[in-house]
Amino acid sequence: MVPLICGRGIIENLVHLNTPDPFAETSPASLPPSPARIVMVSGIVDRLVAPWVAHEYAQDMRGKRQRPIELVDIPDAGHFDLVTPGTPAWKEISKRIVQTLAPAAH
């Protein structure tokens, strides 16, 4: 049984539970190698998914990818700060999202 750390319905909203491995589609470690850019963002004070998880993933993927994995550690941010509008962590995350999605300047 998966704990409901993020509240009711979160698992059902993130994954298709009727697939053989429902968590594979949300696990970076389960994705096939890709040249796509990967940015792993962690809150330094996240007690649910500690920053070392992203760092170990990046280490495990070294040499298996064409492009390096970018690691971003947000100071003073916990697990939910990264996705809560109005927090300093969200301001940093949203700025990065906008920069990534913006068309390249010519």
PDB file of N, CA and C in Angstrom:
ATOM      1  N   MET A   1       0.833  -1.182   0.000  1.00  0.00           N
ATOM      2  CA  MET A   1       0.000   0.000   0.000  1.00  0.00           C
ATOM      3  C   MET A   1       0.881   1.249   0.000  1.00  0.00           C
ATOM      4  N   VAL A   2       0.587   2.166  -0.891  1.00  0.00           N
ATOM      5  CA  VAL A   2       1.337   3.413  -0.997  1.00  0.00           C
ATOM      6  C   VAL A   2       0.744   4.427  -0.025  1.00  0.00           C
ATOM      7  N   PRO A   3       1.581   5.062   0.804  1.00  0.00           N
ATOM      8  CA  PRO A   3       1.040   6.052   1.741  1.00  0.00           C
ATOM      9  C   PRO A   3       0.490   7.261   0.990  1.00  0.00           C
ATOM     10  N   LEU A   4      -0.534   7.877   1.531  1.00  0.00           N
ATOM     11  CA  LEU A   4      -1.164   9.030   0.896  1.00  0.00           C
ATOM     12  C   LEU A   4      -0.545  10.323   1.412  1.00  0.00           C
ATOM     13  N   ILE A   5       0.728  10.494   1.171  1.00  0.00           N
ATOM     14  CA  ILE A   5       1.458  11.659   1.654  1.00  0.00           C
ATOM     15  C   ILE A   5       0.906  12.946   1.040  1.00  0.00           C
ATOM     16  N   CYS A   6       0.553  12.907  -0.224  1.00  0.00           N
ATOM     17  CA  CYS A   6       0.099  14.105  -0.925  1.00  0.00           C
ATOM     18  C   CYS A   6      -1.418  14.256  -0.909  1.00  0.00           C
ATOM     19  N   GLY A   7      -2.137  13.399  -0.230  1.00  0.00           N
ATOM     20  CA  GLY A   7      -3.589  13.529  -0.138  1.00  0.00           C
ATOM     21  C   GLY A   7      -4.324  12.532  -0.998  1.00  0.00           C
ATOM     22  N   ARG A   8      -5.608  12.446  -0.759  1.00  0.00           N
ATOM     23  CA  ARG A   8      -6.456  11.509  -1.503  1.00  0.00           C
ATOM     24  C   ARG A   8      -6.489  11.827  -2.994  1.00  0.00           C
ATOM     25  N   GLY A   9      -6.472  10.791  -3.807  1.00  0.00           N
ATOM     26  CA  GLY A   9      -6.596  10.945  -5.253  1.00  0.00           C
ATOM     27  C   GLY A   9      -5.313  11.273  -5.981  1.00  0.00           C
ATOM     28  N   ILE A  10      -4.240  11.552  -5.270  1.00  0.00           N
ATOM     29  CA  ILE A  10      -3.010  11.952  -5.946  1.00  0.00           C
ATOM     30  C   ILE A  10      -2.451  10.831  -6.812  1.00  0.00           C
ATOM     31  N   ILE A  11      -2.467   9.612  -6.320  1.00  0.00           N
ATOM     32  CA  ILE A  11      -1.951   8.490  -7.105  1.00  0.00           C
ATOM     33  C   ILE A  11      -2.786   8.313  -8.365  1.00  0.00           C
ATOM     34  N   GLU A  12      -4.106   8.327  -8.216  1.00  0.00           N
ATOM     35  CA  GLU A  12      -4.997   8.140  -9.373  1.00  0.00           C
ATOM     36  C   GLU A  12      -4.849   9.263 -10.400  1.00  0.00           C
ATOM     37  N   ASN A  13      -4.508  10.460  -9.955  1.00  0.00           N
ATOM     38  CA  ASN A  13      -4.339  11.581 -10.871  1.00  0.00           C
ATOM     39  C   ASN A  13      -2.987  11.572 -11.579  1.00  0.00           C
ATOM     40  N   LEU A  14      -2.021  10.868 -11.035  1.00  0.00           N
ATOM     41  CA  LEU A  14      -0.687  10.845 -11.633  1.00  0.00           C
ATOM     42  C   LEU A  14      -0.425   9.639 -12.516  1.00  0.00           C
ATOM     43  N   VAL A  15      -1.040   8.510 -12.204  1.00  0.00           N
ATOM     44  CA  VAL A  15      -0.734   7.281 -12.936  1.00  0.00           C
ATOM     45  C   VAL A  15      -2.012   6.576 -13.369  1.00  0.00           C
ATOM     46  N   HIS A  16      -1.860   5.687 -14.336  1.00  0.00           N
ATOM     47  CA  HIS A  16      -2.954   4.825 -14.776  1.00  0.00           C
ATOM     48  C   HIS A  16      -2.837   3.518 -14.007  1.00  0.00           C
ATOM     49  N   LEU A  17      -3.697   3.336 -13.028  1.00  0.00           N
ATOM     50  CA  LEU A  17      -3.567   2.178 -12.147  1.00  0.00           C
ATOM     51  C   LEU A  17      -3.867   0.850 -12.833  1.00  0.00           C
ATOM     52  N   ASN A  18      -4.478   0.886 -14.022  1.00  0.00           N
ATOM     53  CA  ASN A  18      -4.806  -0.359 -14.712  1.00  0.00           C
ATOM     54  C   ASN A  18      -3.690  -0.825 -15.647  1.00  0.00           C
ATOM     55  N   THR A  19      -2.507  -0.228 -15.561  1.00  0.00           N
ATOM     56  CA  THR A  19      -1.365  -0.672 -16.368  1.00  0.00           C
ATOM     57  C   THR A  19      -0.539  -1.665 -15.548  1.00  0.00           C
ATOM     58  N   PRO A  20       0.282  -2.494 -16.219  1.00  0.00           N
ATOM     59  CA  PRO A  20       1.069  -3.507 -15.500  1.00  0.00           C
ATOM     60  C   PRO A  20       1.987  -2.930 -14.415  1.00  0.00           C
ATOM     61  N   ASP A  21       2.609  -1.781 -14.687  1.00  0.00           N
ATOM     62  CA  ASP A  21       3.495  -1.158 -13.707  1.00  0.00           C
ATOM     63  C   ASP A  21       3.116   0.316 -13.610  1.00  0.00           C
ATOM     64  N   PRO A  22       2.113   0.638 -12.792  1.00  0.00           N
ATOM     65  CA  PRO A  22       1.570   2.001 -12.784  1.00  0.00           C
ATOM     66  C   PRO A  22       2.568   3.084 -12.411  1.00  0.00           C
ATOM     67  N   PHE A  23       3.593   2.774 -11.674  1.00  0.00           N
ATOM     68  CA  PHE A  23       4.528   3.816 -11.253  1.00  0.00           C
ATOM     69  C   PHE A  23       5.683   4.013 -12.231  1.00  0.00           C
ATOM     70  N   ALA A  24       5.823   3.124 -13.193  1.00  0.00           N
ATOM     71  CA  ALA A  24       6.908   3.252 -14.175  1.00  0.00           C
ATOM     72  C   ALA A  24       6.781   4.532 -14.988  1.00  0.00           C
ATOM     73  N   GLU A  25       5.546   4.945 -15.272  1.00  0.00           N
ATOM     74  CA  GLU A  25       5.371   6.135 -16.109  1.00  0.00           C
ATOM     75  C   GLU A  25       5.706   7.433 -15.376  1.00  0.00           C
ATOM     76  N   THR A  26       5.850   7.405 -14.071  1.00  0.00           N
ATOM     77  CA  THR A  26       6.229   8.611 -13.327  1.00  0.00           C
ATOM     78  C   THR A  26       7.612   8.498 -12.699  1.00  0.00           C
ATOM     79  N   SER A  27       8.313   7.417 -12.952  1.00  0.00           N
ATOM     80  CA  SER A  27       9.634   7.212 -12.381  1.00  0.00           C
ATOM     81  C   SER A  27      10.715   7.487 -13.417  1.00  0.00           C
ATOM     82  N   PRO A  28      11.546   8.509 -13.214  1.00  0.00           N
ATOM     83  CA  PRO A  28      12.625   8.763 -14.174  1.00  0.00           C
ATOM     84  C   PRO A  28      13.507   7.539 -14.397  1.00  0.00           C
ATOM     85  N   ALA A  29      13.736   6.750 -13.362  1.00  0.00           N
ATOM     86  CA  ALA A  29      14.598   5.569 -13.488  1.00  0.00           C
ATOM     87  C   ALA A  29      13.981   4.510 -14.391  1.00  0.00           C
ATOM     88  N   SER A  30      12.664   4.539 -14.572  1.00  0.00           N
ATOM     89  CA  SER A  30      11.997   3.546 -15.406  1.00  0.00           C
ATOM     90  C   SER A  30      11.879   3.968 -16.867  1.00  0.00           C
ATOM     91  N   LEU A  31      12.181   5.209 -17.163  1.00  0.00           N
ATOM     92  CA  LEU A  31      12.060   5.699 -18.537  1.00  0.00           C
ATOM     93  C   LEU A  31      13.225   5.187 -19.382  1.00  0.00           C
ATOM     94  N   PRO A  32      12.970   4.923 -20.670  1.00  0.00           N
ATOM     95  CA  PRO A  32      14.074   4.498 -21.536  1.00  0.00           C
ATOM     96  C   PRO A  32      15.056   5.649 -21.742  1.00  0.00           C
ATOM     97  N   PRO A  33      16.319   5.339 -22.032  1.00  0.00           N
ATOM     98  CA  PRO A  33      17.295   6.410 -22.281  1.00  0.00           C
ATOM     99  C   PRO A  33      16.811   7.331 -23.397  1.00  0.00           C
ATOM    100  N   SER A  34      17.057   8.614 -23.225  1.00  0.00           N
ATOM    101  CA  SER A  34      16.591   9.604 -24.178  1.00  0.00           C
ATOM    102  C   SER A  34      17.573  10.761 -24.222  1.00  0.00           C
ATOM    103  N   PRO A  35      17.701  11.415 -25.374  1.00  0.00           N
ATOM    104  CA  PRO A  35      18.564  12.600 -25.440  1.00  0.00           C
ATOM    105  C   PRO A  35      17.866  13.847 -24.879  1.00  0.00           C
ATOM    106  N   ALA A  36      16.630  13.708 -24.418  1.00  0.00           N
ATOM    107  CA  ALA A  36      15.888  14.858 -23.890  1.00  0.00           C
ATOM    108  C   ALA A  36      16.577  15.447 -22.664  1.00  0.00           C
ATOM    109  N   ARG A  37      16.409  16.718 -22.496  1.00  0.00           N
ATOM    110  CA  ARG A  37      16.964  17.416 -21.330  1.00  0.00           C
ATOM    111  C   ARG A  37      16.228  16.967 -20.072  1.00  0.00           C
ATOM    112  N   ILE A  38      16.983  16.657 -19.028  1.00  0.00           N
ATOM    113  CA  ILE A  38      16.389  16.284 -17.746  1.00  0.00           C
ATOM    114  C   ILE A  38      16.928  17.229 -16.686  1.00  0.00           C
ATOM    115  N   VAL A  39      16.001  17.842 -15.940  1.00  0.00           N
ATOM    116  CA  VAL A  39      16.350  18.707 -14.827  1.00  0.00           C
ATOM    117  C   VAL A  39      15.698  18.114 -13.589  1.00  0.00           C
ATOM    118  N   MET A  40      16.507  17.752 -12.616  1.00  0.00           N
ATOM    119  CA  MET A  40      16.013  17.193 -11.359  1.00  0.00           C
ATOM    120  C   MET A  40      16.051  18.300 -10.312  1.00  0.00           C
ATOM    121  N   VAL A  41      14.871  18.667  -9.801  1.00  0.00           N
ATOM    122  CA  VAL A  41      14.756  19.754  -8.832  1.00  0.00           C
ATOM    123  C   VAL A  41      14.431  19.167  -7.468  1.00  0.00           C
ATOM    124  N   SER A  42      15.182  19.580  -6.464  1.00  0.00           N
ATOM    125  CA  SER A  42      14.972  19.094  -5.102  1.00  0.00           C
ATOM    126  C   SER A  42      14.927  20.259  -4.134  1.00  0.00           C
ATOM    127  N   GLY A  43      14.085  20.118  -3.128  1.00  0.00           N
ATOM    128  CA  GLY A  43      14.108  21.046  -2.007  1.00  0.00           C
ATOM    129  C   GLY A  43      15.122  20.527  -1.004  1.00  0.00           C
ATOM    130  N   ILE A  44      16.015  21.369  -0.563  1.00  0.00           N
ATOM    131  CA  ILE A  44      17.078  20.944   0.347  1.00  0.00           C
ATOM    132  C   ILE A  44      16.519  20.348   1.639  1.00  0.00           C
ATOM    133  N   VAL A  45      15.387  20.856   2.114  1.00  0.00           N
ATOM    134  CA  VAL A  45      14.834  20.342   3.369  1.00  0.00           C
ATOM    135  C   VAL A  45      13.641  19.411   3.131  1.00  0.00           C
ATOM    136  N   ASP A  46      13.572  18.829   1.939  1.00  0.00           N
ATOM    137  CA  ASP A  46      12.506  17.867   1.617  1.00  0.00           C
ATOM    138  C   ASP A  46      12.735  16.595   2.417  1.00  0.00           C
ATOM    139  N   ARG A  47      11.777  16.251   3.280  1.00  0.00           N
ATOM    140  CA  ARG A  47      11.905  15.044   4.097  1.00  0.00           C
ATOM    141  C   ARG A  47      11.166  13.858   3.472  1.00  0.00           C
ATOM    142  N   LEU A  48      10.430  14.105   2.379  1.00  0.00           N
ATOM    143  CA  LEU A  48       9.702  13.021   1.714  1.00  0.00           C
ATOM    144  C   LEU A  48      10.523  12.401   0.592  1.00  0.00           C
ATOM    145  N   VAL A  49      11.157  13.240  -0.222  1.00  0.00           N
ATOM    146  CA  VAL A  49      12.056  12.769  -1.288  1.00  0.00           C
ATOM    147  C   VAL A  49      13.318  13.628  -1.185  1.00  0.00           C
ATOM    148  N   ALA A  50      14.265  13.130  -0.450  1.00  0.00           N
ATOM    149  CA  ALA A  50      15.486  13.890  -0.171  1.00  0.00           C
ATOM    150  C   ALA A  50      16.288  14.155  -1.444  1.00  0.00           C
ATOM    151  N   PRO A  51      17.053  15.258  -1.470  1.00  0.00           N
ATOM    152  CA  PRO A  51      17.856  15.581  -2.657  1.00  0.00           C
ATOM    153  C   PRO A  51      18.794  14.467  -3.103  1.00  0.00           C
ATOM    154  N   TRP A  52      19.254  13.610  -2.194  1.00  0.00           N
ATOM    155  CA  TRP A  52      20.171  12.548  -2.600  1.00  0.00           C
ATOM    156  C   TRP A  52      19.530  11.601  -3.608  1.00  0.00           C
ATOM    157  N   VAL A  53      18.200  11.525  -3.647  1.00  0.00           N
ATOM    158  CA  VAL A  53      17.529  10.654  -4.622  1.00  0.00           C
ATOM    159  C   VAL A  53      17.852  11.131  -6.040  1.00  0.00           C
ATOM    160  N   ALA A  54      17.725  12.420  -6.285  1.00  0.00           N
ATOM    161  CA  ALA A  54      18.042  12.971  -7.606  1.00  0.00           C
ATOM    162  C   ALA A  54      19.521  12.840  -7.913  1.00  0.00           C
ATOM    163  N   HIS A  55      20.357  13.077  -6.923  1.00  0.00           N
ATOM    164  CA  HIS A  55      21.802  12.994  -7.134  1.00  0.00           C
ATOM    165  C   HIS A  55      22.225  11.561  -7.465  1.00  0.00           C
ATOM    166  N   GLU A  56      21.640  10.579  -6.791  1.00  0.00           N
ATOM    167  CA  GLU A  56      21.956   9.173  -7.095  1.00  0.00           C
ATOM    168  C   GLU A  56      21.467   8.802  -8.494  1.00  0.00           C
ATOM    169  N   TYR A  57      20.290   9.276  -8.870  1.00  0.00           N
ATOM    170  CA  TYR A  57      19.768   9.012 -10.214  1.00  0.00           C
ATOM    171  C   TYR A  57      20.732   9.580 -11.261  1.00  0.00           C
ATOM    172  N   ALA A  58      21.161  10.816 -11.076  1.00  0.00           N
ATOM    173  CA  ALA A  58      22.085  11.441 -12.032  1.00  0.00           C
ATOM    174  C   ALA A  58      23.387  10.648 -12.114  1.00  0.00           C
ATOM    175  N   GLN A  59      23.878  10.203 -10.975  1.00  0.00           N
ATOM    176  CA  GLN A  59      25.103   9.400 -10.951  1.00  0.00           C
ATOM    177  C   GLN A  59      24.898   8.075 -11.696  1.00  0.00           C
ATOM    178  N   ASP A  60      23.770   7.421 -11.454  1.00  0.00           N
ATOM    179  CA  ASP A  60      23.472   6.150 -12.123  1.00  0.00           C
ATOM    180  C   ASP A  60      23.357   6.320 -13.634  1.00  0.00           C
ATOM    181  N   MET A  61      22.889   7.482 -14.081  1.00  0.00           N
ATOM    182  CA  MET A  61      22.682   7.714 -15.510  1.00  0.00           C
ATOM    183  C   MET A  61      23.932   8.216 -16.222  1.00  0.00           C
ATOM    184  N   ARG A  62      24.954   8.583 -15.471  1.00  0.00           N
ATOM    185  CA  ARG A  62      26.185   9.090 -16.084  1.00  0.00           C
ATOM    186  C   ARG A  62      26.735   8.052 -17.058  1.00  0.00           C
ATOM    187  N   GLY A  63      26.970   8.473 -18.278  1.00  0.00           N
ATOM    188  CA  GLY A  63      27.492   7.569 -19.297  1.00  0.00           C
ATOM    189  C   GLY A  63      26.411   6.837 -20.080  1.00  0.00           C
ATOM    190  N   LYS A  64      25.177   6.863 -19.603  1.00  0.00           N
ATOM    191  CA  LYS A  64      24.078   6.192 -20.305  1.00  0.00           C
ATOM    192  C   LYS A  64      23.285   7.175 -21.154  1.00  0.00           C
ATOM    193  N   ARG A  65      23.616   8.450 -21.042  1.00  0.00           N
ATOM    194  CA  ARG A  65      22.859   9.495 -21.738  1.00  0.00           C
ATOM    195  C   ARG A  65      23.801  10.336 -22.590  1.00  0.00           C
ATOM    196  N   GLN A  66      23.232  10.947 -23.623  1.00  0.00           N
ATOM    197  CA  GLN A  66      24.006  11.845 -24.463  1.00  0.00           C
ATOM    198  C   GLN A  66      24.167  13.212 -23.806  1.00  0.00           C
ATOM    199  N   ARG A  67      23.193  13.594 -22.999  1.00  0.00           N
ATOM    200  CA  ARG A  67      23.222  14.902 -22.363  1.00  0.00           C
ATOM    201  C   ARG A  67      23.279  14.729 -20.850  1.00  0.00           C
ATOM    202  N   PRO A  68      23.970  15.633 -20.166  1.00  0.00           N
ATOM    203  CA  PRO A  68      24.025  15.524 -18.703  1.00  0.00           C
ATOM    204  C   PRO A  68      22.685  15.885 -18.061  1.00  0.00           C
ATOM    205  N   ILE A  69      22.490  15.424 -16.856  1.00  0.00           N
ATOM    206  CA  ILE A  69      21.305  15.748 -16.080  1.00  0.00           C
ATOM    207  C   ILE A  69      21.639  16.953 -15.212  1.00  0.00           C
ATOM    208  N   GLU A  70      20.779  17.955 -15.272  1.00  0.00           N
ATOM    209  CA  GLU A  70      20.981  19.143 -14.457  1.00  0.00           C
ATOM    210  C   GLU A  70      20.343  18.922 -13.085  1.00  0.00           C
ATOM    211  N   LEU A  71      21.095  19.165 -12.040  1.00  0.00           N
ATOM    212  CA  LEU A  71      20.595  19.048 -10.670  1.00  0.00           C
ATOM    213  C   LEU A  71      20.403  20.450 -10.110  1.00  0.00           C
ATOM    214  N   VAL A  72      19.201  20.711  -9.599  1.00  0.00           N
ATOM    215  CA  VAL A  72      18.881  22.012  -9.012  1.00  0.00           C
ATOM    216  C   VAL A  72      18.417  21.762  -7.588  1.00  0.00           C
ATOM    217  N   ASP A  73      19.141  22.291  -6.627  1.00  0.00           N
ATOM    218  CA  ASP A  73      18.773  22.188  -5.221  1.00  0.00           C
ATOM    219  C   ASP A  73      18.280  23.556  -4.761  1.00  0.00           C
ATOM    220  N   ILE A  74      17.036  23.605  -4.309  1.00  0.00           N
ATOM    221  CA  ILE A  74      16.428  24.858  -3.877  1.00  0.00           C
ATOM    222  C   ILE A  74      16.598  24.982  -2.356  1.00  0.00           C
ATOM    223  N   PRO A  75      17.345  26.003  -1.893  1.00  0.00           N
ATOM    224  CA  PRO A  75      17.565  26.170  -0.459  1.00  0.00           C
ATOM    225  C   PRO A  75      16.256  26.440   0.292  1.00  0.00           C
ATOM    226  N   ASP A  76      16.177  25.973   1.508  1.00  0.00           N
ATOM    227  CA  ASP A  76      15.036  26.234   2.407  1.00  0.00           C
ATOM    228  C   ASP A  76      13.698  25.769   1.843  1.00  0.00           C
ATOM    229  N   ALA A  77      13.691  24.823   0.905  1.00  0.00           N
ATOM    230  CA  ALA A  77      12.446  24.334   0.307  1.00  0.00           C
ATOM    231  C   ALA A  77      12.192  22.900   0.728  1.00  0.00           C
ATOM    232  N   GLY A  78      10.939  22.639   1.102  1.00  0.00           N
ATOM    233  CA  GLY A  78      10.502  21.291   1.397  1.00  0.00           C
ATOM    234  C   GLY A  78       9.801  20.698   0.186  1.00  0.00           C
ATOM    235  N   HIS A  79       9.232  19.532   0.364  1.00  0.00           N
ATOM    236  CA  HIS A  79       8.594  18.786  -0.723  1.00  0.00           C
ATOM    237  C   HIS A  79       7.492  19.583  -1.418  1.00  0.00           C
ATOM    238  N   PHE A  80       6.603  20.181  -0.658  1.00  0.00           N
ATOM    239  CA  PHE A  80       5.455  20.867  -1.242  1.00  0.00           C
ATOM    240  C   PHE A  80       5.769  22.291  -1.673  1.00  0.00           C
ATOM    241  N   ASP A  81       6.826  22.883  -1.144  1.00  0.00           N
ATOM    242  CA  ASP A  81       7.196  24.247  -1.536  1.00  0.00           C
ATOM    243  C   ASP A  81       7.471  24.353  -3.033  1.00  0.00           C
ATOM    244  N   LEU A  82       7.960  23.276  -3.617  1.00  0.00           N
ATOM    245  CA  LEU A  82       8.316  23.301  -5.037  1.00  0.00           C
ATOM    246  C   LEU A  82       7.108  23.475  -5.944  1.00  0.00           C
ATOM    247  N   VAL A  83       5.925  23.128  -5.464  1.00  0.00           N
ATOM    248  CA  VAL A  83       4.721  23.190  -6.304  1.00  0.00           C
ATOM    249  C   VAL A  83       3.625  24.060  -5.695  1.00  0.00           C
ATOM    250  N   THR A  84       3.971  24.870  -4.697  1.00  0.00           N
ATOM    251  CA  THR A  84       2.979  25.723  -4.058  1.00  0.00           C
ATOM    252  C   THR A  84       3.174  27.167  -4.520  1.00  0.00           C
ATOM    253  N   PRO A  85       2.237  27.688  -5.340  1.00  0.00           N
ATOM    254  CA  PRO A  85       2.353  29.074  -5.800  1.00  0.00           C
ATOM    255  C   PRO A  85       2.483  30.041  -4.617  1.00  0.00           C
ATOM    256  N   GLY A  86       3.361  31.021  -4.798  1.00  0.00           N
ATOM    257  CA  GLY A  86       3.576  32.020  -3.768  1.00  0.00           C
ATOM    258  C   GLY A  86       4.802  31.770  -2.913  1.00  0.00           C
ATOM    259  N   THR A  87       5.305  30.542  -2.897  1.00  0.00           N
ATOM    260  CA  THR A  87       6.504  30.265  -2.113  1.00  0.00           C
ATOM    261  C   THR A  87       7.738  30.709  -2.895  1.00  0.00           C
ATOM    262  N   PRO A  88       8.823  31.045  -2.205  1.00  0.00           N
ATOM    263  CA  PRO A  88      10.059  31.391  -2.928  1.00  0.00           C
ATOM    264  C   PRO A  88      10.518  30.259  -3.855  1.00  0.00           C
ATOM    265  N   ALA A  89      10.341  29.014  -3.418  1.00  0.00           N
ATOM    266  CA  ALA A  89      10.740  27.880  -4.273  1.00  0.00           C
ATOM    267  C   ALA A  89       9.920  27.861  -5.553  1.00  0.00           C
ATOM    268  N   TRP A  90       8.609  28.081  -5.455  1.00  0.00           N
ATOM    269  CA  TRP A  90       7.755  28.085  -6.646  1.00  0.00           C
ATOM    270  C   TRP A  90       8.149  29.208  -7.589  1.00  0.00           C
ATOM    271  N   LYS A  91       8.528  30.349  -7.047  1.00  0.00           N
ATOM    272  CA  LYS A  91       8.962  31.457  -7.913  1.00  0.00           C
ATOM    273  C   LYS A  91      10.172  31.036  -8.744  1.00  0.00           C
ATOM    274  N   GLU A  92      11.110  30.333  -8.108  1.00  0.00           N
ATOM    275  CA  GLU A  92      12.288  29.836  -8.831  1.00  0.00           C
ATOM    276  C   GLU A  92      11.904  28.778  -9.861  1.00  0.00           C
ATOM    277  N   ILE A  93      11.047  27.860  -9.471  1.00  0.00           N
ATOM    278  CA  ILE A  93      10.620  26.788 -10.378  1.00  0.00           C
ATOM    279  C   ILE A  93       9.856  27.365 -11.567  1.00  0.00           C
ATOM    280  N   SER A  94       8.897  28.254 -11.297  1.00  0.00           N
ATOM    281  CA  SER A  94       8.084  28.802 -12.393  1.00  0.00           C
ATOM    282  C   SER A  94       8.944  29.618 -13.354  1.00  0.00           C
ATOM    283  N   LYS A  95       9.946  30.339 -12.819  1.00  0.00           N
ATOM    284  CA  LYS A  95      10.858  31.096 -13.683  1.00  0.00           C
ATOM    285  C   LYS A  95      11.609  30.136 -14.609  1.00  0.00           C
ATOM    286  N   ARG A  96      12.072  29.019 -14.074  1.00  0.00           N
ATOM    287  CA  ARG A  96      12.786  28.026 -14.888  1.00  0.00           C
ATOM    288  C   ARG A  96      11.870  27.402 -15.945  1.00  0.00           C
ATOM    289  N   ILE A  97      10.626  27.144 -15.577  1.00  0.00           N
ATOM    290  CA  ILE A  97       9.666  26.559 -16.538  1.00  0.00           C
ATOM    291  C   ILE A  97       9.444  27.534 -17.693  1.00  0.00           C
ATOM    292  N   VAL A  98       9.208  28.807 -17.378  1.00  0.00           N
ATOM    293  CA  VAL A  98       8.977  29.810 -18.412  1.00  0.00           C
ATOM    294  C   VAL A  98      10.204  29.940 -19.320  1.00  0.00           C
ATOM    295  N   GLN A  99      11.388  29.958 -18.731  1.00  0.00           N
ATOM    296  CA  GLN A  99      12.620  30.056 -19.534  1.00  0.00           C
ATOM    297  C   GLN A  99      12.767  28.851 -20.454  1.00  0.00           C
ATOM    298  N   THR A 100      12.431  27.678 -19.964  1.00  0.00           N
ATOM    299  CA  THR A 100      12.559  26.456 -20.754  1.00  0.00           C
ATOM    300  C   THR A 100      11.562  26.432 -21.906  1.00  0.00           C
ATOM    301  N   LEU A 101      10.345  26.900 -21.656  1.00  0.00           N
ATOM    302  CA  LEU A 101       9.303  26.848 -22.676  1.00  0.00           C
ATOM    303  C   LEU A 101       9.339  28.020 -23.644  1.00  0.00           C
ATOM    304  N   ALA A 102      10.038  29.105 -23.295  1.00  0.00           N
ATOM    305  CA  ALA A 102      10.104  30.274 -24.158  1.00  0.00           C
ATOM    306  C   ALA A 102      10.899  29.945 -25.419  1.00  0.00           C
ATOM    307  N   PRO A 103      10.428  30.470 -26.557  1.00  0.00           N
ATOM    308  CA  PRO A 103      11.196  30.237 -27.796  1.00  0.00           C
ATOM    309  C   PRO A 103      12.580  30.880 -27.693  1.00  0.00           C
ATOM    310  N   ALA A 104      13.545  30.230 -28.280  1.00  0.00           N
ATOM    311  CA  ALA A 104      14.920  30.744 -28.253  1.00  0.00           C
ATOM    312  C   ALA A 104      14.994  32.090 -28.959  1.00  0.00           C
ATOM    313  N   ALA A 105      15.683  33.033 -28.336  1.00  0.00           N
ATOM    314  CA  ALA A 105      15.852  34.358 -28.933  1.00  0.00           C
ATOM    315  C   ALA A 105      16.814  34.260 -30.111  1.00  0.00           C
ATOM    316  N   HIS A 106      16.494  34.977 -31.165  1.00  0.00           N
ATOM    317  CA  HIS A 106      17.363  34.965 -32.366  1.00  0.00           C
ATOM    318  C   HIS A 106      18.123  36.239 -32.472  1.00  0.00           C
TER     319      HIS A 106
END
